[in-house]
Amino acid sequence: MSDGISDDAEDVVGVLTERIEARFGMDMGQLKAAVGAAPTANPEATNVVKWHGLLVEAQSLLDRAEDDLVAALHTQPSEVDDPTMGLAHRVNAAVTARDGRALVVRWLLDPDAPGKKDLAAQRLARLRPRTGPAVQTSAPHRPAGTPAPASAWRSARAAR
């Protein structure tokens, strides 16, 4: 990976952890505790902590998949059998998951990342969260004594 991140597996998590700690001015333990105590206080920190956790989990799964593959390869003769090839595919999938999560963490940490400062992002930031449904879910209220619309009478007659 570029931007100072080594291709070495442990370095991906380590470098991103260092960047997170530098960005928020505290170590990951303190940041996790702060987010746990007040998850809505800093949505950016909450997202970073969430995705960092997913990244650490993906790295752990990758480490286990690699260990399983190495163990299987030590028992193989010169040709690799189907179960061992399946382990190799598992390692590839784990690398893809880990790298994808690392990219999300990098994007979250980059204030100038594509999509964060464009017009659509600014418009989304200005929108208020909805407090009710987007579409009316009940019939509109009619004041007492107001007749139903003519179309309602027609449909009632057609149903008879």
Protein backbone atom coordinates (compact mmCIF):
# COMPACT_ATOMS: atom_id res chain seq x y z
CA MET A 1 0.00 0.00 0.00
CA SER A 2 1.10 3.55 -0.51
CA ASP A 3 1.11 6.50 1.89
CA GLY A 4 3.68 4.98 4.26
CA ILE A 5 1.76 1.78 4.84
CA SER A 6 3.93 -1.29 4.36
CA ASP A 7 2.68 -4.44 2.71
CA ASP A 8 3.68 -6.32 5.85
CA ALA A 9 0.45 -7.42 7.55
CA GLU A 10 1.20 -6.24 11.08
CA ASP A 11 2.36 -2.87 9.81
CA VAL A 12 -1.04 -2.09 8.24
CA VAL A 13 -2.83 -2.19 11.58
CA GLY A 14 0.12 -0.64 13.45
CA VAL A 15 0.52 2.32 11.11
CA LEU A 16 -3.20 3.05 11.03
CA THR A 17 -3.40 2.75 14.80
CA GLU A 18 -0.58 5.30 15.10
CA ARG A 19 -2.39 7.64 12.72
CA ILE A 20 -5.61 7.34 14.72
CA GLU A 21 -3.80 8.03 17.97
CA ALA A 22 -2.07 11.07 16.46
CA ARG A 23 -5.31 12.38 14.96
CA PHE A 24 -7.27 12.19 18.22
CA GLY A 25 -4.37 12.82 20.63
CA MET A 26 -4.86 9.67 22.73
CA ASP A 27 -4.04 5.99 22.56
CA MET A 28 -6.59 3.51 21.21
CA GLY A 29 -7.57 2.32 24.68
CA GLN A 30 -8.41 5.86 25.77
CA LEU A 31 -10.20 6.59 22.50
CA LYS A 32 -12.31 3.44 22.77
CA ALA A 33 -13.21 4.33 26.35
CA ALA A 34 -14.15 7.89 25.35
CA VAL A 35 -16.30 6.66 22.46
CA GLY A 36 -17.89 4.03 24.69
CA ALA A 37 -18.76 6.66 27.31
CA ALA A 38 -20.19 9.17 24.82
CA PRO A 39 -20.72 7.58 21.37
CA THR A 40 -22.60 10.57 19.95
CA ALA A 41 -20.18 13.23 21.20
CA ASN A 42 -17.80 12.82 18.25
CA PRO A 43 -19.30 10.85 15.34
CA GLU A 44 -15.96 10.92 13.51
CA ALA A 45 -14.18 9.24 16.43
CA THR A 46 -17.02 6.75 16.79
CA ASN A 47 -16.73 5.74 13.12
CA VAL A 48 -12.94 5.46 13.31
CA VAL A 49 -13.10 3.29 16.43
CA LYS A 50 -15.75 1.06 14.83
CA TRP A 51 -13.76 0.55 11.63
CA HIS A 52 -10.48 0.11 13.51
CA GLY A 53 -12.14 -2.70 15.46
CA LEU A 54 -13.29 -4.28 12.20
CA LEU A 55 -9.75 -3.92 10.84
CA VAL A 56 -8.21 -5.60 13.89
CA GLU A 57 -10.76 -8.41 13.59
CA ALA A 58 -9.96 -8.88 9.89
CA GLN A 59 -6.23 -8.96 10.68
CA SER A 60 -6.83 -11.63 13.31
CA LEU A 61 -8.81 -13.75 10.83
CA LEU A 62 -6.04 -13.30 8.27
CA ASP A 63 -3.39 -14.38 10.77
CA ARG A 64 -5.35 -17.56 11.58
CA ALA A 65 -5.94 -18.33 7.90
CA GLU A 66 -2.23 -17.90 7.15
CA ASP A 67 -1.28 -20.15 10.07
CA ASP A 68 -3.70 -22.84 8.85
CA LEU A 69 -2.32 -22.61 5.32
CA VAL A 70 1.31 -22.84 6.45
CA ALA A 71 0.49 -25.87 8.62
CA ALA A 72 -1.26 -27.55 5.70
CA LEU A 73 1.59 -26.78 3.31
CA HIS A 74 4.09 -28.44 5.67
CA THR A 75 2.16 -31.71 5.39
CA GLN A 76 1.80 -31.59 1.60
CA PRO A 77 3.93 -33.45 -0.88
CA SER A 78 4.98 -31.55 -4.00
CA GLU A 79 1.37 -31.04 -5.19
CA VAL A 80 -1.21 -29.03 -3.28
CA ASP A 81 -4.53 -30.79 -2.68
CA ASP A 82 -7.99 -29.21 -2.87
CA PRO A 83 -8.44 -28.58 0.88
CA THR A 84 -5.10 -26.78 0.98
CA MET A 85 -6.05 -24.76 -2.10
CA GLY A 86 -9.25 -23.85 -0.24
CA LEU A 87 -7.10 -22.53 2.61
CA ALA A 88 -5.15 -20.43 0.11
CA HIS A 89 -8.41 -18.95 -1.17
CA ARG A 90 -9.40 -18.24 2.44
CA VAL A 91 -6.15 -16.33 2.91
CA ASN A 92 -6.81 -14.30 -0.24
CA ALA A 93 -10.33 -13.44 0.94
CA ALA A 94 -8.99 -12.44 4.37
CA VAL A 95 -6.37 -10.18 2.76
CA THR A 96 -9.08 -8.53 0.67
CA ALA A 97 -11.27 -7.94 3.73
CA ARG A 98 -8.37 -6.57 5.77
CA ASP A 99 -7.23 -4.26 2.97
CA GLY A 100 -10.77 -3.00 2.37
CA ARG A 101 -11.19 -2.13 6.03
CA ALA A 102 -7.78 -0.46 6.05
CA LEU A 103 -8.88 1.70 3.12
CA VAL A 104 -12.01 2.74 5.00
CA VAL A 105 -9.94 3.73 8.05
CA ARG A 106 -7.55 5.71 5.84
CA TRP A 107 -10.51 7.45 4.18
CA LEU A 108 -12.04 8.31 7.56
CA LEU A 109 -8.75 9.83 8.72
CA ASP A 110 -8.22 11.94 5.57
CA PRO A 111 -10.17 15.21 5.77
CA ASP A 112 -9.44 15.88 2.07
CA ALA A 113 -10.54 12.44 0.85
CA PRO A 114 -12.75 12.32 -2.24
CA GLY A 115 -16.40 12.65 -1.33
CA LYS A 116 -15.84 14.55 1.89
CA LYS A 117 -15.72 18.09 0.53
CA ASP A 118 -17.69 17.96 -2.71
CA LEU A 119 -21.08 19.61 -3.20
CA ALA A 120 -23.05 16.44 -2.47
CA ALA A 121 -21.23 15.91 0.83
CA GLN A 122 -21.94 19.51 1.85
CA ARG A 123 -25.63 19.13 1.02
CA LEU A 124 -25.87 15.90 3.00
CA ALA A 125 -24.22 17.56 5.99
CA ARG A 126 -26.85 20.34 5.95
CA LEU A 127 -29.80 17.96 5.93
CA ARG A 128 -31.45 17.42 9.24
CA PRO A 129 -32.31 13.86 10.22
CA ARG A 130 -35.97 13.07 9.64
CA THR A 131 -38.15 12.76 12.68
CA GLY A 132 -41.00 10.90 11.01
CA PRO A 133 -41.72 8.77 7.99
CA ALA A 134 -40.88 10.15 4.55
CA VAL A 135 -44.30 9.17 3.22
CA GLN A 136 -47.63 9.76 4.94
CA THR A 137 -48.67 6.45 6.49
CA SER A 138 -52.23 7.24 7.55
CA ALA A 139 -55.27 8.82 5.92
CA PRO A 140 -55.39 12.60 6.20
CA HIS A 141 -57.64 13.90 8.96
CA ARG A 142 -60.95 15.43 7.80
CA PRO A 143 -62.77 17.81 10.10
CA ALA A 144 -66.18 16.57 11.25
CA GLY A 145 -68.95 17.31 8.74
CA THR A 146 -66.61 17.50 5.74
CA PRO A 147 -67.83 15.15 2.99
CA ALA A 148 -65.49 12.58 1.53
CA PRO A 149 -64.07 13.35 -1.91
CA ALA A 150 -66.22 12.33 -4.87
CA SER A 151 -63.71 9.69 -5.92
CA ALA A 152 -64.25 7.88 -2.61
CA TRP A 153 -68.02 7.74 -3.28
CA ARG A 154 -67.44 6.38 -6.77
CA SER A 155 -65.15 3.62 -5.56
CA ALA A 156 -67.62 2.68 -2.81
CA ARG A 157 -70.45 2.38 -5.39
CA ALA A 158 -68.27 0.33 -7.74
CA ALA A 159 -67.47 -2.14 -4.95
CA ARG A 160 -71.23 -2.92 -4.42
